[in-house]
Protein backbone atom coordinates (compact mmCIF):
# COMPACT_ATOMS: atom_id res chain seq x y z
CA MET A 1 0.11 -0.01 -0.10
CA SER A 2 0.93 3.79 -0.63
CA ASP A 3 1.75 6.06 2.45
CA ILE A 4 -1.80 7.66 1.53
CA GLU A 5 -3.60 4.27 1.63
CA ILE A 6 -2.01 3.30 5.01
CA ALA A 7 -3.09 6.60 6.19
CA ARG A 8 -6.60 6.30 5.38
CA LYS A 9 -7.07 2.99 7.18
CA ALA A 10 -5.78 4.24 10.31
CA ARG A 11 -8.01 4.35 13.32
CA LEU A 12 -7.74 7.78 14.62
CA LEU A 13 -8.56 8.88 18.33
CA SER A 14 -10.65 12.17 18.83
CA ILE A 15 -7.86 15.20 19.14
CA SER A 16 -9.31 15.75 22.70
CA GLN A 17 -8.31 11.90 23.56
CA ILE A 18 -5.00 12.74 22.05
CA GLY A 19 -4.72 15.96 24.08
CA GLU A 20 -5.47 13.94 27.17
CA LYS A 21 -2.25 12.14 26.98
CA LEU A 22 -0.34 15.40 27.08
CA ASN A 23 -2.80 16.56 30.05
CA ILE A 24 -4.38 19.19 27.87
CA PRO A 25 -7.78 20.20 28.77
CA GLU A 26 -10.29 19.82 25.76
CA GLU A 27 -11.21 23.79 26.61
CA ASN A 28 -7.51 24.54 25.84
CA LEU A 29 -7.60 22.68 22.17
CA ILE A 30 -8.86 25.08 19.35
CA GLN A 31 -10.06 22.17 17.01
CA TYR A 32 -9.91 22.06 13.67
CA GLY A 33 -12.35 19.24 12.71
CA SER A 34 -11.93 15.87 14.94
CA ASN A 35 -8.06 15.04 14.26
CA LYS A 36 -6.20 18.30 14.59
CA ALA A 37 -6.47 20.93 16.78
CA LYS A 38 -4.01 24.19 17.87
CA ILE A 39 -3.03 24.36 21.82
CA SER A 40 -4.02 27.66 23.22
CA ASN A 41 -2.12 30.34 24.45
CA ASN A 42 -3.72 29.81 27.79
CA HIS A 43 -2.38 26.19 28.20
CA LEU A 44 0.94 27.24 26.95
CA GLU A 45 1.42 29.93 29.20
CA SER A 46 0.32 27.35 32.17
CA VAL A 47 3.12 25.03 31.01
CA ALA A 48 5.92 27.85 30.69
CA GLY A 49 9.07 27.25 32.14
CA ASN A 50 12.68 25.89 31.93
CA GLN A 51 13.13 22.48 30.36
CA ASN A 52 12.29 19.56 31.97
CA GLY A 53 11.53 16.64 29.49
CA LYS A 54 14.68 14.91 27.70
CA LEU A 55 15.26 16.43 23.95
CA ILE A 56 16.35 14.14 21.24
CA LEU A 57 17.44 15.41 17.99
CA VAL A 58 16.94 13.27 14.82
CA THR A 59 19.44 14.24 11.85
CA ALA A 60 20.87 12.47 9.11
CA ILE A 61 23.59 11.87 6.96
CA THR A 62 24.29 13.98 3.82
CA PRO A 63 20.93 13.33 1.54
CA THR A 64 20.79 11.34 -1.86
CA PRO A 65 17.86 10.58 -4.16
CA ALA A 66 18.03 7.37 -2.46
CA GLY A 67 16.40 8.60 0.65
CA GLU A 68 17.39 8.52 4.26
CA GLY A 69 14.01 9.10 6.27
CA LYS A 70 14.53 11.54 9.16
CA THR A 71 10.84 12.35 9.63
CA THR A 72 9.90 8.69 9.27
CA THR A 73 12.62 7.51 12.07
CA SER A 74 11.39 10.31 14.27
CA VAL A 75 7.91 9.19 14.12
CA GLY A 76 8.84 5.85 14.62
CA LEU A 77 11.21 6.37 17.58
CA ASN A 78 8.27 8.54 19.12
CA ASP A 79 6.19 5.28 18.91
CA GLY A 80 8.76 3.13 20.17
CA LEU A 81 9.25 5.23 23.18
CA ASN A 82 5.67 5.10 23.91
CA LYS A 83 5.61 1.26 23.55
CA LEU A 84 8.54 1.44 26.31
CA GLY A 85 6.08 3.06 28.55
CA LYS A 86 7.39 6.34 28.23
CA LYS A 87 5.75 9.72 27.73
CA SER A 88 6.79 10.95 24.79
CA VAL A 89 5.81 13.48 21.95
CA VAL A 90 7.33 14.14 18.60
CA CYS A 91 7.87 17.62 17.45
CA LEU A 92 7.91 18.37 13.37
CA ARG A 93 7.93 21.09 10.94
CA GLU A 94 5.19 21.83 8.99
CA PRO A 95 5.81 20.80 4.95
CA SER A 96 6.13 23.55 2.36
CA LEU A 97 3.99 23.29 -0.67
CA GLY A 98 6.96 24.01 -2.88
CA PRO A 99 8.43 20.39 -2.12
CA CYS A 100 5.09 18.62 -1.59
CA PHE A 101 4.49 19.67 -5.37
CA GLY A 102 8.02 19.80 -6.58
CA MET A 103 10.55 17.23 -6.03
CA LYS A 104 10.56 15.86 -2.55
CA GLY A 105 6.91 15.16 -2.10
CA GLY A 106 5.05 15.03 1.39
CA ALA A 107 6.82 15.23 4.70
CA ALA A 108 4.74 13.70 7.26
CA GLY A 109 6.57 10.44 7.17
CA GLY A 110 6.13 7.02 5.54
CA GLY A 111 4.65 3.56 5.57
CA TYR A 112 3.64 2.57 9.56
CA ALA A 113 5.87 5.73 10.77
CA GLN A 114 3.28 8.50 10.16
CA VAL A 115 1.61 11.72 11.44
CA VAL A 116 -1.87 11.83 10.57
CA PRO A 117 -4.08 13.32 8.75
CA MET A 118 -1.46 13.07 6.05
CA GLU A 119 -3.29 15.14 3.34
CA ASP A 120 -4.11 18.02 5.60
CA ILE A 121 -0.65 18.31 7.01
CA ASN A 122 0.93 18.34 3.59
CA LEU A 123 -1.34 20.61 2.05
CA HIS A 124 -3.12 23.75 4.07
CA PHE A 125 -3.16 22.36 7.37
CA THR A 126 -4.07 25.06 9.85
CA GLY A 127 -3.27 27.78 7.53
CA ASP A 128 0.05 28.69 9.36
CA PHE A 129 2.16 29.14 6.00
CA HIS A 130 -0.46 31.17 4.71
CA ALA A 131 -0.57 33.68 7.70
CA ILE A 132 3.20 34.01 7.72
CA GLY A 133 3.28 34.70 3.93
CA ALA A 134 0.54 37.28 4.48
CA ALA A 135 2.58 38.88 7.24
CA HIS A 136 5.70 39.14 5.23
CA ASN A 137 4.02 40.29 1.98
CA LEU A 138 1.94 42.88 4.41
CA LEU A 139 5.22 44.42 5.32
CA SER A 140 6.34 44.34 1.60
CA ALA A 141 2.90 46.43 0.62
CA LEU A 142 3.70 48.94 3.75
CA ILE A 143 6.88 49.73 2.38
CA ASP A 144 6.03 50.44 -1.12
CA ASN A 145 3.30 52.61 0.30
CA HIS A 146 5.58 54.71 2.24
CA VAL A 147 7.76 55.40 -0.57
CA HIS A 148 4.75 56.27 -2.69
CA TRP A 149 3.24 58.80 0.00
CA GLY A 150 6.54 60.58 0.28
CA ASN A 151 9.13 58.71 1.59
CA GLU A 152 9.34 60.35 4.70
CA LEU A 153 12.19 57.88 5.96
CA GLY A 154 14.39 58.43 3.21
CA ILE A 155 14.49 54.88 1.79
CA ASP A 156 17.05 54.08 -0.89
CA VAL A 157 15.05 52.39 -3.35
CA ARG A 158 18.40 51.16 -4.46
CA ARG A 159 19.09 49.42 -1.17
CA MET A 160 15.75 47.79 -0.30
CA GLN A 161 16.22 44.69 1.60
CA TRP A 162 12.69 43.25 1.73
CA LYS A 163 11.62 41.04 -1.00
CA ARG A 164 8.25 39.36 -1.30
CA VAL A 165 7.39 35.78 -0.76
CA ILE A 166 5.24 32.76 -1.82
CA ASP A 167 5.01 28.98 -0.52
CA MET A 168 5.39 27.48 -3.86
CA ASN A 169 8.66 26.94 -6.32
CA ASP A 170 8.62 29.24 -8.86
CA ARG A 171 12.05 30.33 -10.76
CA ALA A 172 10.32 32.86 -12.87
CA LEU A 173 9.79 35.20 -9.57
CA ARG A 174 13.56 35.06 -8.44
CA SER A 175 14.21 38.23 -10.13
CA ILE A 176 11.53 40.10 -11.85
CA THR A 177 10.87 44.10 -12.61
CA CYS A 178 8.00 45.26 -10.66
CA GLY A 179 6.21 49.02 -10.38
CA LEU A 180 5.78 49.48 -14.10
CA GLY A 181 2.65 51.72 -15.60
CA GLY A 182 3.04 55.17 -14.12
CA PRO A 183 3.54 57.14 -10.88
CA GLY A 184 0.16 55.45 -9.66
CA ASN A 185 1.76 51.83 -9.70
CA GLY A 186 4.72 52.28 -7.52
CA PHE A 187 8.51 52.90 -8.34
CA PRO A 188 10.01 50.66 -11.32
CA ARG A 189 12.62 48.51 -9.95
CA GLN A 190 14.37 45.10 -10.08
CA ASP A 191 13.01 42.94 -7.19
CA GLY A 192 12.14 39.24 -6.72
CA TYR A 193 10.59 36.54 -4.50
CA ASP A 194 11.65 34.04 -1.97
CA ILE A 195 9.89 30.95 -0.92
CA THR A 196 7.82 31.53 2.19
CA VAL A 197 10.28 29.12 4.19
CA ALA A 198 12.94 31.28 3.54
CA SER A 199 11.29 34.39 4.99
CA GLU A 200 12.66 36.12 7.62
CA VAL A 201 9.26 36.11 9.19
CA MET A 202 9.12 32.33 9.29
CA ALA A 203 12.65 32.23 11.26
CA ILE A 204 11.22 34.97 13.94
CA PHE A 205 8.08 32.74 14.16
CA CYS A 206 10.01 29.77 14.73
CA LEU A 207 12.48 31.51 17.12
CA SER A 208 9.89 33.56 19.51
CA ASN A 209 9.10 32.44 22.93
CA ASN A 210 5.71 34.18 22.78
CA LEU A 211 3.48 37.06 21.21
CA GLY A 212 5.32 39.67 22.87
CA ASP A 213 8.68 38.20 21.78
CA LEU A 214 7.23 37.72 18.25
CA LYS A 215 6.80 41.46 18.02
CA SER A 216 9.73 42.56 19.48
CA ARG A 217 11.73 40.46 16.73
CA LEU A 218 9.39 41.68 13.96
CA GLU A 219 10.25 45.57 14.88
CA LYS A 220 14.02 44.80 14.53
CA ILE A 221 13.61 43.57 10.91
CA VAL A 222 15.80 45.85 8.63
CA ILE A 223 13.74 46.64 5.65
CA GLY A 224 16.72 48.67 3.67
CA TYR A 225 19.01 51.39 4.04
CA THR A 226 18.86 55.21 3.55
CA ARG A 227 21.46 57.05 0.76
CA GLU A 228 23.59 57.49 3.98
CA ASN A 229 23.61 53.77 4.46
CA LYS A 230 21.88 54.07 7.67
CA PRO A 231 19.67 50.86 8.60
CA LEU A 232 15.88 51.28 8.57
CA PHE A 233 13.73 48.87 10.74
CA ALA A 234 10.17 47.20 10.33
CA SER A 235 9.21 49.24 13.40
CA GLN A 236 9.66 52.65 11.56
CA ILE A 237 6.82 51.55 8.97
CA LYS A 238 4.37 50.91 11.77
CA GLY A 239 2.69 47.68 10.38
CA ILE A 240 4.06 45.58 13.22
CA GLY A 241 0.68 45.12 15.21
CA ALA A 242 -0.89 44.30 11.95
CA MET A 243 1.84 41.70 11.11
CA ALA A 244 1.57 40.30 14.53
CA THR A 245 -2.54 40.20 14.61
CA LEU A 246 -1.97 37.94 11.12
CA LEU A 247 0.20 35.98 12.87
CA ARG A 248 -1.63 35.44 16.31
CA ASP A 249 -3.70 32.51 15.78
CA ALA A 250 -0.65 30.76 13.90
CA LEU A 251 1.51 31.09 16.77
CA ALA A 252 -0.36 28.35 18.71
CA PRO A 253 1.31 24.73 17.74
CA ASN A 254 -0.70 22.16 16.12
CA LEU A 255 -1.41 18.83 17.66
CA VAL A 256 -1.99 15.95 15.60
CA GLN A 257 -1.41 12.20 16.06
CA THR A 258 0.92 9.12 15.01
CA LEU A 259 -0.62 6.13 13.27
CA GLU A 260 -0.30 4.46 16.97
CA ASN A 261 -2.18 7.48 18.27
CA ASN A 262 0.77 9.10 20.04
CA PRO A 263 0.98 12.80 20.16
CA ALA A 264 2.68 14.75 17.83
CA ILE A 265 3.13 18.74 17.49
CA ILE A 266 3.80 20.31 13.94
CA HIS A 267 4.77 23.96 14.09
CA GLY A 268 7.07 25.94 11.71
CA GLY A 269 8.88 24.91 8.72
CA PRO A 270 11.94 26.64 7.62
CA PHE A 271 14.47 24.87 5.23
CA ALA A 272 17.61 23.70 6.56
CA ASN A 273 19.41 24.63 3.02
CA ILE A 274 18.36 28.46 3.33
CA ALA A 275 17.16 28.72 6.83
CA HIS A 276 17.71 27.17 10.18
CA GLY A 277 15.82 24.41 9.33
CA CYS A 278 14.09 23.55 12.86
CA ASN A 279 10.28 23.57 13.85
CA SER A 280 9.32 26.45 16.27
CA VAL A 281 10.72 27.21 19.88
CA ILE A 282 7.18 27.44 21.29
CA ALA A 283 6.33 23.82 20.10
CA THR A 284 9.70 22.54 21.39
CA LYS A 285 9.66 23.98 24.90
CA SER A 286 6.13 23.47 25.46
CA ALA A 287 6.39 19.81 24.76
CA LEU A 288 9.41 19.68 27.00
CA LYS A 289 6.97 20.61 30.04
CA MET A 290 4.53 18.23 29.00
CA ALA A 291 6.12 15.09 28.03
CA ASP A 292 9.59 13.00 29.51
CA TYR A 293 10.89 12.60 25.97
CA VAL A 294 10.57 15.12 23.11
CA VAL A 295 12.03 13.76 19.76
CA THR A 296 12.38 16.62 17.09
CA GLU A 297 14.30 16.73 13.65
CA ALA A 298 16.38 19.11 11.85
CA GLY A 299 16.52 19.40 8.18
CA PHE A 300 18.93 17.84 5.75
CA GLY A 301 22.38 16.37 6.93
CA ALA A 302 23.87 16.99 10.27
CA ASP A 303 26.06 19.60 8.81
CA LEU A 304 23.10 21.80 7.95
CA GLY A 305 20.18 20.89 10.13
CA ALA A 306 22.16 19.77 13.37
CA GLU A 307 24.51 22.64 13.09
CA LYS A 308 21.79 25.21 13.04
CA PHE A 309 19.48 23.43 15.59
CA PHE A 310 22.81 23.48 18.10
CA ASN A 311 24.27 26.85 17.15
CA ILE A 312 21.10 28.73 16.52
CA LYS A 313 17.96 27.27 18.10
CA CYS A 314 19.78 25.72 20.99
CA ARG A 315 21.43 28.96 21.73
CA SER A 316 18.37 31.26 21.15
CA ALA A 317 15.93 29.12 23.13
CA GLY A 318 18.07 28.20 26.05
CA ILE A 319 17.66 24.42 25.46
CA SER A 320 19.99 21.70 25.33
CA PRO A 321 19.95 18.11 23.74
CA ASP A 322 20.11 15.14 25.22
CA VAL A 323 20.80 12.57 22.72
CA ALA A 324 21.61 12.81 18.78
CA VAL A 325 20.27 10.34 16.48
CA ILE A 326 21.73 10.09 12.49
CA VAL A 327 19.63 8.19 10.16
CA ALA A 328 21.32 6.47 7.56
CA THR A 329 20.28 3.90 4.74
CA ILE A 330 22.31 1.42 3.17
CA ARG A 331 20.97 2.78 -0.35
CA ALA A 332 22.28 6.52 0.64
CA LEU A 333 25.79 5.11 1.65
CA LYS A 334 26.00 3.26 -1.45
CA MET A 335 25.54 6.45 -3.67
CA HIS A 336 28.01 8.13 -1.43
CA GLY A 337 30.22 5.35 -2.05
CA GLY A 338 30.16 5.75 -6.19
CA VAL A 339 27.09 3.32 -6.98
CA ASN A 340 24.52 4.72 -9.26
CA LYS A 341 20.95 4.82 -8.25
CA ASP A 342 20.00 1.98 -10.85
CA ASP A 343 22.40 -0.47 -9.11
CA LEU A 344 21.47 0.14 -5.21
CA SER A 345 19.46 -3.07 -5.00
CA LYS A 346 22.89 -5.03 -5.73
CA GLU A 347 24.92 -6.03 -2.60
CA ASN A 348 28.23 -3.81 -2.33
CA ILE A 349 29.46 -3.94 0.71
CA THR A 350 32.75 -2.01 -0.64
CA ALA A 351 30.81 0.69 -1.62
CA VAL A 352 28.87 0.84 1.72
CA THR A 353 32.48 1.02 3.48
CA GLN A 354 33.46 3.94 1.31
CA GLY A 355 30.16 5.85 1.87
CA GLY A 356 30.60 5.03 5.48
CA ASN A 357 33.29 8.08 5.68
CA ASN A 358 29.93 10.43 5.28
CA LEU A 359 28.66 8.88 8.16
CA ALA A 360 31.92 9.06 10.07
CA ARG A 361 32.11 12.72 9.38
CA HIS A 362 28.68 13.49 10.88
CA ILE A 363 29.33 11.22 14.21
CA GLU A 364 32.48 13.17 14.51
CA ASN A 365 31.07 16.62 14.23
CA VAL A 366 27.95 15.91 16.00
CA LYS A 367 29.85 14.21 19.12
CA SER A 368 32.07 17.66 19.02
CA PHE A 369 29.19 19.61 20.28
CA GLY A 370 28.99 17.46 23.31
CA VAL A 371 25.95 15.24 22.33
CA PRO A 372 25.64 11.40 22.70
CA VAL A 373 25.44 9.80 19.14
CA VAL A 374 23.39 6.61 18.06
CA VAL A 375 22.98 5.78 14.25
CA ALA A 376 19.57 4.48 12.99
CA ILE A 377 19.98 2.16 10.25
CA ASN A 378 16.33 3.06 8.10
CA ARG A 379 16.31 -0.63 6.62
CA PHE A 380 14.98 -1.14 2.82
CA VAL A 381 13.66 -4.61 1.90
CA THR A 382 16.72 -4.73 -0.35
CA ASP A 383 19.43 -4.21 2.28
CA THR A 384 21.40 -7.23 2.98
CA ASP A 385 22.82 -8.25 6.67
CA ALA A 386 26.27 -8.20 5.67
CA GLU A 387 25.83 -4.64 4.38
CA ILE A 388 23.64 -3.58 7.56
CA GLN A 389 26.80 -5.54 9.56
CA SER A 390 29.27 -3.15 7.69
CA VAL A 391 27.63 0.09 8.82
CA LYS A 392 27.63 -1.26 12.46
CA ASP A 393 31.13 -1.64 12.09
CA ILE A 394 31.75 1.88 10.81
CA ALA A 395 29.87 3.12 13.70
CA ILE A 396 31.76 1.00 16.49
CA ALA A 397 34.79 2.32 14.98
CA ASN A 398 33.54 5.71 15.94
CA GLY A 399 32.90 5.10 18.95
CA VAL A 400 28.95 4.50 18.84
CA LYS A 401 26.12 2.06 18.19
CA ALA A 402 24.37 1.67 14.96
CA ILE A 403 20.61 -0.25 15.48
CA GLU A 404 18.60 -1.51 12.62
CA CYS A 405 15.48 0.20 12.26
CA THR A 406 12.29 -1.34 10.60
CA HIS A 407 9.60 1.48 11.62
CA TRP A 408 8.52 1.80 7.87
CA SER A 409 7.04 -1.48 7.81
CA ASP A 410 6.61 -2.33 11.86
CA GLY A 411 5.74 1.21 13.32
CA GLY A 412 7.06 1.49 16.81
CA ASN A 413 7.72 -2.09 17.22
CA GLY A 414 10.27 -1.71 14.64
CA THR A 415 12.38 0.95 16.88
CA ILE A 416 12.00 -0.71 20.24
CA GLU A 417 16.01 -1.30 20.27
CA LEU A 418 16.84 2.31 19.40
CA ALA A 419 14.49 3.55 21.86
CA GLU A 420 16.07 1.38 24.64
CA GLU A 421 19.33 2.78 23.56
CA VAL A 422 18.15 6.33 23.56
CA VAL A 423 16.79 6.11 27.18
CA SER A 424 20.16 4.91 28.13
CA LEU A 425 22.02 7.33 26.72
CA VAL A 426 20.01 9.87 28.51
CA SER A 427 20.14 7.93 31.72
CA SER A 428 23.81 7.79 31.54
CA GLY A 429 23.72 11.77 31.86
CA ALA A 430 26.83 12.05 29.18
CA ALA A 431 25.62 15.25 27.12
CA SER A 432 27.66 18.20 27.80
CA PHE A 433 26.40 20.32 25.07
CA ALA A 434 28.08 23.61 23.88
CA PRO A 435 27.81 25.60 20.52
CA LEU A 436 30.62 25.50 18.12
CA TYR A 437 31.82 29.11 18.58
CA PRO A 438 31.34 31.83 21.41
CA ASN A 439 29.26 35.03 20.48
CA GLU A 440 31.62 36.97 20.87
CA MET A 441 33.80 35.72 18.06
CA GLY A 442 33.74 37.71 14.70
CA ILE A 443 31.23 36.94 11.95
CA TRP A 444 33.79 35.90 9.49
CA ASP A 445 35.83 33.73 12.02
CA LYS A 446 32.49 32.12 12.92
CA ILE A 447 32.04 31.43 9.17
CA LYS A 448 35.54 29.97 8.77
CA THR A 449 35.05 27.93 12.07
CA ILE A 450 31.92 26.17 10.49
CA ALA A 451 33.55 25.81 7.26
CA THR A 452 36.78 24.62 8.23
CA ARG A 453 35.64 22.35 11.26
CA LEU A 454 32.46 20.73 10.03
CA TYR A 455 32.59 21.06 6.21
CA ARG A 456 36.63 20.55 6.39
CA ALA A 457 37.18 23.16 3.69
CA ASP A 458 40.68 24.35 3.48
CA ASP A 459 39.56 28.09 3.31
CA VAL A 460 36.62 30.81 2.90
CA ILE A 461 36.74 33.32 0.19
CA ALA A 462 34.41 36.44 -0.79
CA ASP A 463 34.87 39.23 -3.00
CA LYS A 464 35.51 42.77 -1.26
CA LYS A 465 31.64 43.86 -1.52
CA VAL A 466 30.87 40.60 0.77
CA ARG A 467 33.56 41.56 3.24
CA ALA A 468 32.55 45.03 3.42
CA GLN A 469 29.00 43.97 4.30
CA ILE A 470 30.29 41.77 7.15
CA ARG A 471 32.39 44.77 8.60
CA LYS A 472 28.93 46.60 8.10
CA PHE A 473 27.05 44.26 10.08
CA GLU A 474 29.57 44.29 12.83
CA GLU A 475 29.66 47.74 12.82
CA ASP A 476 25.96 48.21 12.96
CA GLY A 477 26.08 45.97 16.42
CA TYR A 478 25.20 42.40 14.95
CA GLY A 479 28.77 40.93 15.47
CA GLU A 480 27.57 38.33 18.06
CA PHE A 481 24.71 36.71 15.66
CA PRO A 482 25.04 33.28 15.15
CA ILE A 483 25.42 32.05 11.36
CA CYS A 484 22.97 30.30 9.22
CA VAL A 485 24.93 28.88 6.23
CA ALA A 486 22.53 28.81 2.86
CA LYS A 487 24.54 25.77 0.78
CA THR A 488 23.47 22.83 -0.93
CA GLN A 489 22.22 20.07 0.93
CA TYR A 490 24.04 17.20 -1.07
CA SER A 491 27.59 17.92 -0.17
CA PHE A 492 29.90 18.91 3.06
CA SER A 493 31.09 21.28 0.20
CA THR A 494 29.30 23.96 -1.67
CA ASP A 495 29.40 21.46 -4.89
CA PRO A 496 26.69 19.25 -4.87
CA ASN A 497 28.40 16.86 -6.82
CA LEU A 498 31.39 16.24 -4.64
CA LYS A 499 29.56 13.12 -2.54
CA GLY A 500 31.09 11.07 0.63
CA ALA A 501 33.38 13.13 2.89
CA PRO A 502 35.33 15.48 0.78
CA ASN A 503 38.43 17.61 1.73
CA ASN A 504 40.38 20.22 0.49
CA HIS A 505 37.69 22.31 -0.87
CA VAL A 506 36.80 26.09 -0.53
CA MET A 507 33.58 27.55 0.46
CA ALA A 508 32.86 30.46 -1.83
CA ILE A 509 30.54 33.08 -0.12
CA ARG A 510 28.07 34.84 -2.66
CA GLU A 511 26.08 37.14 -0.54
CA VAL A 512 25.54 37.64 3.21
CA ARG A 513 22.15 38.72 4.39
CA LEU A 514 20.92 39.96 8.05
CA SER A 515 18.30 38.71 9.69
CA ALA A 516 18.06 41.07 12.55
CA GLY A 517 14.68 40.12 13.87
CA ALA A 518 15.69 36.37 13.62
CA GLY A 519 18.94 37.13 15.20
CA PHE A 520 21.45 35.42 12.41
CA ILE A 521 23.31 36.31 9.52
CA VAL A 522 22.43 34.25 6.38
CA VAL A 523 25.76 33.21 4.32
CA VAL A 524 24.91 32.29 0.91
CA CYS A 525 26.98 29.93 -0.79
CA GLY A 526 27.36 28.44 -4.35
CA ASP A 527 24.43 28.22 -6.53
CA ILE A 528 21.89 28.03 -3.61
CA MET A 529 18.58 29.65 -4.54
CA THR A 530 16.08 30.98 -1.83
CA MET A 531 13.42 30.26 -4.47
CA PRO A 532 13.53 27.07 -5.81
CA GLY A 533 12.46 25.53 -8.94
CA LEU A 534 10.33 22.84 -10.04
CA PRO A 535 12.22 19.85 -11.61
CA ARG A 536 11.41 18.43 -14.77
CA VAL A 537 8.69 16.13 -13.48
CA PRO A 538 7.03 17.77 -10.70
CA ALA A 539 5.37 15.58 -7.78
CA ALA A 540 2.26 18.10 -8.73
CA ASN A 541 1.95 15.79 -12.30
CA ASN A 542 0.82 12.96 -10.39
CA ILE A 543 -1.50 14.37 -7.80
CA ASP A 544 -5.32 14.40 -8.01
CA VAL A 545 -8.70 14.40 -6.35
CA ASN A 546 -11.51 12.30 -7.42
CA ASN A 547 -15.15 13.12 -7.67
CA ILE A 548 -15.73 12.06 -4.07
CA GLY A 549 -12.85 14.24 -2.72
CA GLU A 550 -10.05 11.44 -2.19
CA ILE A 551 -6.91 12.68 -2.85
CA SER A 552 -4.22 10.47 -4.82
CA GLY A 553 -0.52 11.11 -5.63
CA LEU A 554 0.28 12.64 -2.25
CA PHE A 555 3.21 10.59 -0.97
């Protein structure tokens, strides 16, 4: 059966019954039908405070077209912990419509390790992304309107920093000319769109602790500069209250369930290759007060998602992970070992061993943050026992365990051993988390630290314009911000074709962007785009709805 067929056969509990498992009274659930709800601000305030539960991060090796299964493993691990009698909840990101209709497909897990209702989660869900896009574009409209009515702030239209966004892959909108048609239609200029998940409003949304913090961060957004190169802030446009009004309801986390009727909180959705790749701080911190174990994921490989989780989210939220799970598949390791996609079903221990260099580097990197590691081998039916053993040997050589997992076919029963190891690592108290670099380190040195220590680059290069912009950020008081690298997810380097664990490469910075409200510096590298395009054959080509409203092709 396909993922959507499995999901349709699930016997769901009412969302109020799921809320009971987290001690959420029914009156504190804002219900969207019978099987999804938002957790009210009243309840969030009642559980506010410092971390109580244990935080488990699920990350992965460098992704390939063969797949790794981070979300599926997160869901399966949560179900496994619940089978052990632990009070556990999984916290995930909301899927973007861009990859749902593009190349990646849905992001609600797969097989018998899914969150449901998967069609709703993968499509409009509770409208959070629409609210974020509307708030972002409201600010865009207010900026243009300010210029139209006299430009009292003296915005230099050549130094506008605020694009518009849309939650769809649309390469034609990357660079546009707008404002044509005369004075009544704005001022002609070159502009562009980003995808909603790359919006600073999305980043602010996911890093805010509450509505007041959200408004404070929105006020700090730098929208552009004057002719004297002085920064101008969103607060000066006077639309913060309206933006926050659009975001008010969206700020409440979304409660759903797994196929095994265990709680799942899904909220926020920045990509890790162009943004910080983590679900909302509100969801994670609330879950830590409501459950004993919280399983969360960070996007793409550990060089992107986990690094940003550690250096941005944990630093901003004041939380510390207790364990990290690195997901690997035999198929992906073979691709890192040089095997073509068409040959992945054939046993090839040599390729697994060679591709294991990628896994080994991720293990070393994650351990460098002081977080205990376990490897989850997401098993496929074509994997052989000898190949599984080779991954276990690689893990042992790097001082960790690798555990075979069959959650795709067996649900929580397929992750019992992994769940037991996670509990053991948590109980050992071995975690001594620390970010990779201190706040006071200079921006350039932070970038170089990430590039050399995690990516194993020999050097970092940038032209004079980029270096001058970095100095400008420091002069304006943003030198203590952490770094958010935007680069390809397919390699440790900035070249997507360099698989495995490349060394002796150079990281070239194309541009740097200030996200003053979110509180980090975005460093754009290589050919990475903040507005993706659709592939030659988009997933949208196979999605349909029949006459009785049943959706097909959404996997």
